[in-house]
Amino acid sequence: MKPAQAAQRQLDAYNARDVDAFLAAYTVDCTVRSFPSGAVLMDGRDAMRDRYATLFADHPELHCELVHRVEHESFVIDHEHVTGLRDDEVVHAVAMYEVRDGLIANVWFLREE
């Protein structure tokens, strides 16, 4: 599986709010960090399950639209517009995924620090 396919797999599952399919796109020991600080937001699939199961349950209209994708070697950078998270507000997000053996091993979210 190419890195962009792994990123798309998790995006499709996110939009379906299917936590099991979403997590199946990640390694067991995946790490989610803030960029540029590197602060760990979630460490491992179990931590991700807790966070995303709640997110999906609490936001039934949650949807992520891919605006632009860049793939370079084992990395994928997605510019996304997320709706359904906050009332009538589009959240602009940038995520960088590192893919190993067809699964996402690391994620960095570009955030204002």
C-alpha atoms as a PDB file:
ATOM      1  CA  MET A   1       0.000   0.000   0.000  1.00  0.00           C
ATOM      2  CA  LYS A   2       1.352   3.403  -0.974  1.00  0.00           C
ATOM      3  CA  PRO A   3       1.555   6.078   1.739  1.00  0.00           C
ATOM      4  CA  ALA A   4      -1.246   8.141   0.146  1.00  0.00           C
ATOM      5  CA  GLN A   5      -3.495   5.066   0.186  1.00  0.00           C
ATOM      6  CA  ALA A   6      -2.894   4.631   3.927  1.00  0.00           C
ATOM      7  CA  ALA A   7      -3.738   8.300   4.520  1.00  0.00           C
ATOM      8  CA  GLN A   8      -6.892   7.973   2.420  1.00  0.00           C
ATOM      9  CA  ARG A   9      -7.924   4.809   4.252  1.00  0.00           C
ATOM     10  CA  GLN A  10      -7.872   6.581   7.602  1.00  0.00           C
ATOM     11  CA  LEU A  11      -9.607   9.656   6.144  1.00  0.00           C
ATOM     12  CA  ASP A  12     -12.444   7.525   4.758  1.00  0.00           C
ATOM     13  CA  ALA A  13     -12.862   5.781   8.120  1.00  0.00           C
ATOM     14  CA  TYR A  14     -12.768   9.151   9.925  1.00  0.00           C
ATOM     15  CA  ASN A  15     -15.582  10.434   7.731  1.00  0.00           C
ATOM     16  CA  ALA A  16     -17.559   7.240   8.362  1.00  0.00           C
ATOM     17  CA  ARG A  17     -16.846   7.727  12.089  1.00  0.00           C
ATOM     18  CA  ASP A  18     -15.759   4.076  12.217  1.00  0.00           C
ATOM     19  CA  VAL A  19     -13.204   3.954  15.012  1.00  0.00           C
ATOM     20  CA  ASP A  20     -12.116   0.354  14.312  1.00  0.00           C
ATOM     21  CA  ALA A  21     -11.476   0.980  10.611  1.00  0.00           C
ATOM     22  CA  PHE A  22      -9.795   4.285  11.471  1.00  0.00           C
ATOM     23  CA  LEU A  23      -7.383   2.672  13.941  1.00  0.00           C
ATOM     24  CA  ALA A  24      -6.670  -0.224  11.565  1.00  0.00           C
ATOM     25  CA  ALA A  25      -4.753   2.300   9.423  1.00  0.00           C
ATOM     26  CA  TYR A  26      -2.251   2.912  12.267  1.00  0.00           C
ATOM     27  CA  THR A  27       0.552   0.915  13.866  1.00  0.00           C
ATOM     28  CA  VAL A  28      -0.070  -0.283  17.431  1.00  0.00           C
ATOM     29  CA  ASP A  29       2.671   2.021  18.713  1.00  0.00           C
ATOM     30  CA  CYS A  30       1.838   5.070  16.602  1.00  0.00           C
ATOM     31  CA  THR A  31       2.495   8.504  18.047  1.00  0.00           C
ATOM     32  CA  VAL A  32       0.542  11.696  17.385  1.00  0.00           C
ATOM     33  CA  ARG A  33       2.447  14.930  17.991  1.00  0.00           C
ATOM     34  CA  SER A  34       1.969  18.641  17.729  1.00  0.00           C
ATOM     35  CA  PHE A  35       4.190  20.430  15.220  1.00  0.00           C
ATOM     36  CA  PRO A  36       6.517  22.262  15.605  1.00  0.00           C
ATOM     37  CA  SER A  37       6.890  21.589  19.351  1.00  0.00           C
ATOM     38  CA  GLY A  38       6.882  17.802  19.069  1.00  0.00           C
ATOM     39  CA  ALA A  39       4.651  17.551  22.149  1.00  0.00           C
ATOM     40  CA  VAL A  40       2.997  14.127  22.269  1.00  0.00           C
ATOM     41  CA  LEU A  41      -0.783  14.367  21.957  1.00  0.00           C
ATOM     42  CA  MET A  42      -1.492  10.618  21.859  1.00  0.00           C
ATOM     43  CA  ASP A  43       0.820   7.655  22.289  1.00  0.00           C
ATOM     44  CA  GLY A  44      -0.396   4.366  20.833  1.00  0.00           C
ATOM     45  CA  ARG A  45      -3.634   3.098  19.353  1.00  0.00           C
ATOM     46  CA  ASP A  46      -5.298   2.660  22.756  1.00  0.00           C
ATOM     47  CA  ALA A  47      -4.936   6.386  23.476  1.00  0.00           C
ATOM     48  CA  MET A  48      -6.208   7.150  19.991  1.00  0.00           C
ATOM     49  CA  ARG A  49      -9.206   4.852  20.506  1.00  0.00           C
ATOM     50  CA  ASP A  50     -10.264   6.717  23.647  1.00  0.00           C
ATOM     51  CA  ARG A  51      -9.967  10.100  21.970  1.00  0.00           C
ATOM     52  CA  TYR A  52     -11.521   9.266  18.593  1.00  0.00           C
ATOM     53  CA  ALA A  53     -14.365   7.081  19.915  1.00  0.00           C
ATOM     54  CA  THR A  54     -15.488  10.041  22.009  1.00  0.00           C
ATOM     55  CA  LEU A  55     -14.965  12.488  19.138  1.00  0.00           C
ATOM     56  CA  PHE A  56     -17.006  10.379  16.710  1.00  0.00           C
ATOM     57  CA  ALA A  57     -19.811   9.818  19.247  1.00  0.00           C
ATOM     58  CA  ASP A  58     -20.016  13.482  20.273  1.00  0.00           C
ATOM     59  CA  HIS A  59     -19.930  14.908  16.736  1.00  0.00           C
ATOM     60  CA  PRO A  60     -22.273  12.969  14.417  1.00  0.00           C
ATOM     61  CA  GLU A  61     -21.850  15.551  11.623  1.00  0.00           C
ATOM     62  CA  LEU A  62     -18.044  15.396  11.715  1.00  0.00           C
ATOM     63  CA  HIS A  63     -16.529  15.468   8.229  1.00  0.00           C
ATOM     64  CA  CYS A  64     -13.046  16.073   6.889  1.00  0.00           C
ATOM     65  CA  GLU A  65     -12.592  17.372   3.350  1.00  0.00           C
ATOM     66  CA  LEU A  66      -9.200  16.874   1.758  1.00  0.00           C
ATOM     67  CA  VAL A  67      -8.119  20.170   0.205  1.00  0.00           C
ATOM     68  CA  HIS A  68      -4.648  19.179  -0.984  1.00  0.00           C
ATOM     69  CA  ARG A  69      -2.321  16.211  -0.550  1.00  0.00           C
ATOM     70  CA  VAL A  70       1.445  15.938  -1.041  1.00  0.00           C
ATOM     71  CA  GLU A  71       3.163  12.554  -1.041  1.00  0.00           C
ATOM     72  CA  HIS A  72       6.944  12.271  -0.740  1.00  0.00           C
ATOM     73  CA  GLU A  73       8.568   8.913  -0.133  1.00  0.00           C
ATOM     74  CA  SER A  74       7.036   7.567   3.104  1.00  0.00           C
ATOM     75  CA  PHE A  75       5.378  10.873   4.068  1.00  0.00           C
ATOM     76  CA  VAL A  76       1.975  12.325   3.260  1.00  0.00           C
ATOM     77  CA  ILE A  77       0.980  15.904   4.053  1.00  0.00           C
ATOM     78  CA  ASP A  78      -2.730  16.699   3.997  1.00  0.00           C
ATOM     79  CA  HIS A  79      -4.390  20.104   4.106  1.00  0.00           C
ATOM     80  CA  GLU A  80      -7.903  19.506   5.413  1.00  0.00           C
ATOM     81  CA  HIS A  81     -11.110  21.363   6.187  1.00  0.00           C
ATOM     82  CA  VAL A  82     -13.006  19.833   9.093  1.00  0.00           C
ATOM     83  CA  THR A  83     -16.680  20.571   9.705  1.00  0.00           C
ATOM     84  CA  GLY A  84     -19.077  19.345  12.367  1.00  0.00           C
ATOM     85  CA  LEU A  85     -16.575  19.906  15.150  1.00  0.00           C
ATOM     86  CA  ARG A  86     -17.635  23.421  16.093  1.00  0.00           C
ATOM     87  CA  ASP A  87     -20.949  25.094  15.239  1.00  0.00           C
ATOM     88  CA  ASP A  88     -20.885  26.401  11.658  1.00  0.00           C
ATOM     89  CA  GLU A  89     -17.093  26.696  11.742  1.00  0.00           C
ATOM     90  CA  VAL A  90     -14.570  25.195   9.341  1.00  0.00           C
ATOM     91  CA  VAL A  91     -11.404  24.063  11.094  1.00  0.00           C
ATOM     92  CA  HIS A  92      -8.350  24.293   8.854  1.00  0.00           C
ATOM     93  CA  ALA A  93      -5.924  21.489   9.602  1.00  0.00           C
ATOM     94  CA  VAL A  94      -2.567  20.287   8.318  1.00  0.00           C
ATOM     95  CA  ALA A  95      -1.458  16.760   9.124  1.00  0.00           C
ATOM     96  CA  MET A  96       1.752  14.984   8.194  1.00  0.00           C
ATOM     97  CA  TYR A  97       1.707  11.195   8.248  1.00  0.00           C
ATOM     98  CA  GLU A  98       4.725   8.886   8.231  1.00  0.00           C
ATOM     99  CA  VAL A  99       3.798   5.502   6.762  1.00  0.00           C
ATOM    100  CA  ARG A 100       5.722   2.287   7.368  1.00  0.00           C
ATOM    101  CA  ASP A 101       4.723  -1.043   5.821  1.00  0.00           C
ATOM    102  CA  GLY A 102       1.349   0.359   4.775  1.00  0.00           C
ATOM    103  CA  LEU A 103       0.388   1.698   8.217  1.00  0.00           C
ATOM    104  CA  ILE A 104       0.641   5.174   9.703  1.00  0.00           C
ATOM    105  CA  ALA A 105       3.407   5.144  12.328  1.00  0.00           C
ATOM    106  CA  ASN A 106       3.624   8.847  13.197  1.00  0.00           C
ATOM    107  CA  VAL A 107       1.402  11.890  12.816  1.00  0.00           C
ATOM    108  CA  TRP A 108       2.218  15.561  13.270  1.00  0.00           C
ATOM    109  CA  PHE A 109      -0.562  18.158  13.417  1.00  0.00           C
ATOM    110  CA  LEU A 110       0.460  21.693  12.565  1.00  0.00           C
ATOM    111  CA  ARG A 111      -0.956  23.749  15.388  1.00  0.00           C
ATOM    112  CA  GLU A 112      -0.624  27.245  16.675  1.00  0.00           C
ATOM    113  CA  GLU A 113       1.465  26.918  19.835  1.00  0.00           C
END
